[in-house]
Amino acid sequence: MVRRLFVILSLIILTSCASANMSDGNKGDQSAVSDPIEGVNRATFEFNYFVDGLLLKPVAALYRDLPPPAVRESFDNFLQNLDSPVNFANGLLQGNLDRAGNTLFRFVVNSTVGVLGLFDVAESWFNTPHREEDFGQTLAAWDLGEGPYVMLPVIGPSNTRDSVGRVVDFFLDPLRYVLLIKNSEQELYTARTVSEAVSARAKTIAPLEDIESSSVDFYASVRSLYKQRRDYLIENREDAQSDAKSKNPSNTTKKPKSSGMLKPESKQPDKKAESKPPINLQLTDGTDGTILDGDKLSYAPKFGSVQ
């Protein structure tokens, strides 16, 4: 245990050093992404693309198409509920008591009334939506810079700070203790990890195909989207958007819940346009979800944390 803590602390120190070295260069352009090993990252990106097309994407497509939507949604809710303890811990570490309290409330309600998290009663009945927190966001709240961009094999887009966050979140997860350490249930823990990967990838198949088809440089598009997504989560912009909508209810209409980063395409065909418009890579008012979720989408190899 001491050795593990030493490794984590060492990684945090390295993150701080890398961020300090980058701070002067990034003051002029907060949207810039430092990519000093772009050649290696691009090679890893292509490897991830191959693995994704060979294995993960086909399985995710079956998961998306075969089960009834209600069954798939309930299973996704169940997996999301399992992440609540880590979300709660990071809310506390960030000093965000509102978020920590909301996560705890969601976990209790959905685990009981929602039948072990199969139904998101907290959102549908009490208007308490899921809010993602991870240790990468916690480090950002502690004013640690993001460090250089890195494409991790199989996992996908990340940076130095978020890579450290992944390691810490792994040790923060109480399910890891229950399944791996106490009961030696390696198969169950692996099944949960694989299920999260497939669930996350299934949500991003169509949006990422659109982005790839409209991108001149798909690698650069994924890199930019990852940066935007992480900034969006760190700055808690979804709260600001929710507050704005609650203050102006006349400007909002009920619509099916979307888990994607991009606005859903209208089902009405555009008679004036014969070709698809270019994909908007900027975050929009509906961007709550998973297209570049640094955790969930990280299992989709080529697309990064394409979370």
Protein backbone atom coordinates (compact mmCIF):
# COMPACT_ATOMS: atom_id res chain seq x y z
CA MET A 1 0.00 0.00 0.00
CA VAL A 2 2.83 2.39 0.87
CA ARG A 3 4.44 1.68 -2.48
CA ARG A 4 1.18 2.47 -4.29
CA LEU A 5 0.77 5.74 -2.44
CA PHE A 6 4.36 6.65 -3.29
CA VAL A 7 3.69 6.03 -6.99
CA ILE A 8 0.55 8.19 -6.91
CA LEU A 9 2.31 11.03 -5.11
CA SER A 10 5.20 10.85 -7.56
CA LEU A 11 2.81 11.12 -10.49
CA ILE A 12 1.13 14.15 -8.91
CA ILE A 13 4.51 15.83 -8.45
CA LEU A 14 5.39 15.13 -12.08
CA THR A 15 2.06 16.64 -13.12
CA SER A 16 2.81 19.78 -11.13
CA CYS A 17 6.25 20.12 -12.67
CA ALA A 18 4.96 19.63 -16.20
CA SER A 19 2.17 22.13 -15.62
CA ALA A 20 4.57 24.72 -14.23
CA ASN A 21 6.80 24.42 -17.26
CA MET A 22 3.83 24.92 -19.56
CA SER A 23 2.14 27.77 -17.74
CA ASP A 24 4.01 30.62 -19.43
CA GLY A 25 3.40 29.24 -22.89
CA ASN A 26 -0.32 28.73 -22.36
CA LYS A 27 -1.18 32.11 -20.85
CA GLY A 28 -1.81 33.62 -24.24
CA ASP A 29 -4.05 30.82 -25.50
CA GLN A 30 -6.08 28.91 -22.96
CA SER A 31 -7.55 26.68 -25.67
CA ALA A 32 -4.15 25.46 -26.91
CA VAL A 33 -3.30 21.79 -26.38
CA SER A 34 0.31 20.90 -25.65
CA ASP A 35 1.20 17.85 -27.73
CA PRO A 36 5.00 17.49 -27.58
CA ILE A 37 4.98 13.81 -28.57
CA GLU A 38 2.46 14.12 -31.38
CA GLY A 39 4.22 11.55 -33.54
CA VAL A 40 3.96 8.88 -30.86
CA ASN A 41 0.40 9.92 -30.06
CA ARG A 42 -0.67 9.63 -33.68
CA ALA A 43 0.85 6.15 -33.94
CA THR A 44 -0.99 5.11 -30.79
CA PHE A 45 -4.17 6.64 -32.19
CA GLU A 46 -3.92 4.46 -35.28
CA PHE A 47 -3.30 1.39 -33.14
CA ASN A 48 -6.36 2.22 -31.05
CA TYR A 49 -8.38 2.71 -34.24
CA PHE A 50 -7.45 -0.77 -35.39
CA VAL A 51 -8.33 -2.37 -32.04
CA ASP A 52 -11.60 -0.49 -31.89
CA GLY A 53 -12.68 -1.56 -35.37
CA LEU A 54 -11.61 -5.13 -34.78
CA LEU A 55 -13.20 -5.70 -31.39
CA LEU A 56 -14.90 -2.95 -29.42
CA LYS A 57 -17.00 -1.22 -32.06
CA PRO A 58 -18.63 -4.42 -33.41
CA VAL A 59 -19.53 -5.58 -29.89
CA ALA A 60 -20.84 -2.12 -29.00
CA ALA A 61 -22.95 -2.07 -32.16
CA LEU A 62 -24.57 -5.36 -31.14
CA TYR A 63 -25.25 -3.98 -27.66
CA ARG A 64 -26.80 -0.87 -29.21
CA ASP A 65 -29.00 -2.72 -31.71
CA LEU A 66 -30.07 -6.01 -30.09
CA PRO A 67 -31.49 -5.28 -26.59
CA PRO A 68 -34.74 -3.31 -26.31
CA PRO A 69 -34.00 0.38 -25.53
CA ALA A 70 -35.60 0.12 -22.09
CA VAL A 71 -33.38 -2.83 -21.15
CA ARG A 72 -30.25 -1.11 -22.42
CA GLU A 73 -31.09 2.10 -20.56
CA SER A 74 -31.65 0.24 -17.30
CA PHE A 75 -28.32 -1.54 -17.62
CA ASP A 76 -26.58 1.78 -18.35
CA ASN A 77 -28.23 3.27 -15.26
CA PHE A 78 -27.01 0.32 -13.18
CA LEU A 79 -23.40 0.84 -14.33
CA GLN A 80 -23.62 4.57 -13.71
CA ASN A 81 -24.90 3.98 -10.19
CA LEU A 82 -21.82 1.87 -9.43
CA ASP A 83 -19.65 4.94 -10.06
CA SER A 84 -21.45 7.01 -7.44
CA PRO A 85 -19.00 6.39 -4.55
CA VAL A 86 -16.06 7.69 -6.60
CA ASN A 87 -18.11 10.69 -7.76
CA PHE A 88 -19.08 11.39 -4.15
CA ALA A 89 -15.48 11.19 -2.90
CA ASN A 90 -14.25 13.58 -5.57
CA GLY A 91 -17.04 16.04 -4.83
CA LEU A 92 -15.88 16.12 -1.21
CA LEU A 93 -12.21 16.45 -2.18
CA GLN A 94 -13.08 19.42 -4.37
CA GLY A 95 -14.98 21.06 -1.52
CA ASN A 96 -18.15 20.98 -3.63
CA LEU A 97 -20.65 19.94 -0.98
CA ASP A 98 -23.65 20.52 -3.25
CA ARG A 99 -22.38 18.05 -5.81
CA ALA A 100 -21.34 15.55 -3.17
CA GLY A 101 -24.78 15.81 -1.55
CA ASN A 102 -26.56 15.37 -4.87
CA THR A 103 -24.46 12.30 -5.67
CA LEU A 104 -25.20 10.77 -2.28
CA PHE A 105 -28.91 11.49 -2.68
CA ARG A 106 -28.92 9.92 -6.15
CA PHE A 107 -27.08 6.84 -4.93
CA VAL A 108 -29.46 6.24 -2.00
CA VAL A 109 -32.65 6.86 -3.99
CA ASN A 110 -31.62 4.95 -7.11
CA SER A 111 -30.19 2.03 -5.13
CA THR A 112 -33.45 1.60 -3.21
CA VAL A 113 -36.46 2.99 -5.05
CA GLY A 114 -34.65 2.60 -8.35
CA VAL A 115 -33.96 -1.11 -7.72
CA LEU A 116 -30.16 -1.21 -7.45
CA GLY A 117 -29.84 1.68 -9.88
CA LEU A 118 -31.75 0.08 -12.77
CA PHE A 119 -34.06 3.11 -12.86
CA ASP A 120 -32.89 6.72 -12.54
CA VAL A 121 -35.61 7.76 -10.13
CA ALA A 122 -33.52 10.64 -8.78
CA GLU A 123 -33.63 12.43 -12.12
CA SER A 124 -37.10 11.49 -13.31
CA TRP A 125 -38.86 12.13 -9.99
CA PHE A 126 -36.65 14.61 -8.16
CA ASN A 127 -34.92 16.44 -11.05
CA THR A 128 -31.47 15.54 -9.74
CA PRO A 129 -29.38 14.63 -12.80
CA HIS A 130 -26.11 12.74 -12.84
CA ARG A 131 -22.98 14.87 -12.55
CA GLU A 132 -19.63 13.31 -13.30
CA GLU A 133 -16.67 13.91 -11.01
CA ASP A 134 -13.25 12.28 -11.16
CA PHE A 135 -9.84 12.86 -9.62
CA GLY A 136 -8.59 14.58 -12.76
CA GLN A 137 -11.21 17.25 -12.12
CA THR A 138 -10.22 17.29 -8.46
CA LEU A 139 -6.60 18.02 -9.37
CA ALA A 140 -7.83 20.83 -11.61
CA ALA A 141 -9.84 22.22 -8.69
CA TRP A 142 -6.59 22.19 -6.74
CA ASP A 143 -5.05 24.37 -9.51
CA LEU A 144 -2.82 21.69 -11.01
CA GLY A 145 -2.30 22.21 -14.74
CA GLU A 146 -3.33 19.59 -17.25
CA GLY A 147 0.15 18.83 -18.57
CA PRO A 148 0.92 17.49 -22.05
CA TYR A 149 -1.68 15.67 -24.13
CA VAL A 150 -1.13 11.94 -24.43
CA MET A 151 -2.88 9.15 -26.34
CA LEU A 152 -2.87 6.10 -24.11
CA PRO A 153 -2.87 2.64 -25.72
CA VAL A 154 -6.40 1.19 -25.76
CA ILE A 155 -7.59 3.76 -23.17
CA GLY A 156 -7.46 6.75 -25.51
CA PRO A 157 -7.05 10.55 -25.12
CA SER A 158 -5.74 11.87 -21.83
CA ASN A 159 -3.18 14.25 -20.36
CA THR A 160 -0.75 14.02 -17.48
CA ARG A 161 -3.24 15.25 -14.90
CA ASP A 162 -6.08 13.00 -16.06
CA SER A 163 -3.74 10.00 -16.25
CA VAL A 164 -2.92 10.50 -12.58
CA GLY A 165 -6.64 10.90 -11.91
CA ARG A 166 -7.38 7.53 -13.46
CA VAL A 167 -4.92 5.82 -11.14
CA VAL A 168 -6.34 7.50 -8.04
CA ASP A 169 -9.95 6.79 -9.03
CA PHE A 170 -9.01 3.13 -9.42
CA PHE A 171 -7.90 3.01 -5.78
CA LEU A 172 -10.83 5.13 -4.58
CA ASP A 173 -13.38 2.68 -5.97
CA PRO A 174 -14.88 0.68 -3.06
CA LEU A 175 -16.17 -1.94 -5.49
CA ARG A 176 -12.56 -2.75 -6.30
CA TYR A 177 -11.97 -3.49 -2.61
CA VAL A 178 -15.14 -5.59 -2.27
CA LEU A 179 -14.63 -7.64 -5.43
CA LEU A 180 -10.85 -7.85 -5.85
CA ILE A 181 -9.29 -7.58 -2.42
CA LYS A 182 -11.88 -9.01 -0.06
CA ASN A 183 -13.58 -11.64 -2.24
CA SER A 184 -11.08 -12.23 -5.06
CA GLU A 185 -13.84 -11.90 -7.64
CA GLN A 186 -11.62 -10.97 -10.57
CA GLU A 187 -14.19 -12.16 -13.11
CA LEU A 188 -16.95 -9.91 -11.77
CA TYR A 189 -14.68 -6.86 -11.68
CA THR A 190 -13.50 -7.55 -15.23
CA ALA A 191 -17.11 -7.99 -16.36
CA ARG A 192 -17.99 -4.60 -14.91
CA THR A 193 -15.03 -2.93 -16.65
CA VAL A 194 -15.84 -4.51 -20.02
CA SER A 195 -19.52 -3.65 -19.66
CA GLU A 196 -18.70 0.01 -19.02
CA ALA A 197 -16.47 0.04 -22.09
CA VAL A 198 -19.13 -1.44 -24.35
CA SER A 199 -21.87 0.79 -22.94
CA ALA A 200 -19.81 3.94 -23.44
CA ARG A 201 -18.74 2.99 -26.95
CA ALA A 202 -22.29 2.18 -28.02
CA LYS A 203 -23.35 5.75 -27.26
CA THR A 204 -20.69 7.25 -29.49
CA ILE A 205 -20.77 5.13 -32.64
CA ALA A 206 -22.92 7.42 -34.80
CA PRO A 207 -21.56 10.79 -33.57
CA LEU A 208 -17.95 9.71 -34.01
CA GLU A 209 -18.60 8.36 -37.48
CA ASP A 210 -20.04 11.75 -38.42
CA ILE A 211 -17.06 13.56 -36.93
CA GLU A 212 -14.61 11.29 -38.73
CA SER A 213 -16.34 11.74 -42.09
CA SER A 214 -16.35 15.54 -41.78
CA SER A 215 -12.86 15.98 -40.29
CA VAL A 216 -9.80 16.88 -42.32
CA ASP A 217 -7.64 15.57 -39.46
CA PHE A 218 -9.56 13.15 -37.25
CA TYR A 219 -6.74 12.92 -34.71
CA ALA A 220 -6.74 16.71 -34.24
CA SER A 221 -10.53 16.76 -33.97
CA VAL A 222 -10.51 14.16 -31.20
CA ARG A 223 -7.72 16.02 -29.42
CA SER A 224 -9.69 19.29 -29.57
CA LEU A 225 -12.92 17.65 -28.44
CA TYR A 226 -11.18 15.99 -25.51
CA LYS A 227 -9.83 19.36 -24.38
CA GLN A 228 -13.28 20.97 -24.70
CA ARG A 229 -14.99 18.15 -22.87
CA ARG A 230 -12.59 18.20 -19.94
CA ASP A 231 -12.83 22.00 -19.63
CA TYR A 232 -16.61 21.68 -19.69
CA LEU A 233 -16.58 19.19 -16.81
CA ILE A 234 -13.95 21.03 -14.75
CA GLU A 235 -15.81 24.34 -14.98
CA ASN A 236 -19.15 22.68 -14.10
CA ARG A 237 -20.83 24.37 -17.06
CA GLU A 238 -23.74 21.94 -16.96
CA ASP A 239 -24.82 23.54 -13.68
CA ALA A 240 -24.82 26.99 -15.25
CA GLN A 241 -26.86 25.71 -18.19
CA SER A 242 -29.35 24.01 -15.85
CA ASP A 243 -29.74 27.24 -13.86
CA ALA A 244 -30.30 29.24 -17.04
CA LYS A 245 -32.96 26.81 -18.24
CA SER A 246 -34.73 26.81 -14.87
CA LYS A 247 -34.88 30.62 -14.92
CA ASN A 248 -36.30 30.62 -18.44
CA PRO A 249 -38.61 27.60 -18.58
CA SER A 250 -40.53 29.08 -21.54
CA ASN A 251 -37.41 28.71 -23.69
CA THR A 252 -37.08 25.00 -23.09
CA THR A 253 -39.13 22.13 -24.37
CA LYS A 254 -39.22 18.56 -23.26
CA LYS A 255 -37.20 16.23 -25.45
CA PRO A 256 -35.69 12.77 -25.17
CA LYS A 257 -32.61 12.62 -23.03
CA SER A 258 -29.46 12.68 -25.11
CA SER A 259 -26.15 11.28 -23.88
CA GLY A 260 -24.08 12.77 -26.67
CA MET A 261 -21.95 15.86 -26.81
CA LEU A 262 -23.36 17.05 -30.07
CA LYS A 263 -26.88 18.21 -30.66
CA PRO A 264 -28.99 15.33 -31.95
CA GLU A 265 -29.75 15.49 -35.64
CA SER A 266 -33.32 16.34 -36.57
CA LYS A 267 -35.31 13.48 -38.01
CA GLN A 268 -36.88 15.84 -40.53
CA PRO A 269 -34.88 15.81 -43.78
CA ASP A 270 -33.46 19.04 -45.04
CA LYS A 271 -34.96 19.44 -48.49
CA LYS A 272 -32.67 22.33 -49.39
CA ALA A 273 -29.43 20.61 -48.59
CA GLU A 274 -28.25 17.54 -50.43
CA SER A 275 -25.24 16.90 -48.22
CA LYS A 276 -24.66 16.88 -44.48
CA PRO A 277 -23.50 20.15 -42.92
CA PRO A 278 -20.12 20.06 -41.21
CA ILE A 279 -20.10 18.80 -37.65
CA ASN A 280 -19.98 21.53 -35.01
CA LEU A 281 -17.09 20.72 -32.72
CA GLN A 282 -18.04 23.34 -30.13
CA LEU A 283 -19.88 22.44 -26.95
CA THR A 284 -23.56 23.35 -26.98
CA ASP A 285 -26.31 23.84 -24.43
CA GLY A 286 -27.11 20.14 -24.53
CA THR A 287 -23.63 18.90 -23.88
CA ASP A 288 -23.93 16.83 -20.78
CA GLY A 289 -22.84 13.52 -21.92
CA THR A 290 -20.43 11.01 -22.99
CA ILE A 291 -18.90 11.60 -26.38
CA LEU A 292 -15.59 12.55 -24.88
CA ASP A 293 -16.10 11.58 -21.31
CA GLY A 294 -12.65 11.28 -19.88
CA ASP A 295 -13.61 8.18 -17.98
CA LYS A 296 -16.27 6.25 -19.78
CA LEU A 297 -15.26 7.02 -23.32
CA SER A 298 -11.69 6.21 -22.52
CA TYR A 299 -12.50 2.63 -23.31
CA ALA A 300 -13.17 3.33 -26.97
CA PRO A 301 -9.70 2.94 -28.38
CA LYS A 302 -9.43 5.05 -31.47
CA PHE A 303 -11.83 7.64 -30.37
CA GLY A 304 -10.15 8.19 -27.32
CA SER A 305 -11.69 8.63 -24.19
CA VAL A 306 -13.89 8.32 -26.88
CA GLN A 307 -14.76 8.84 -22.11
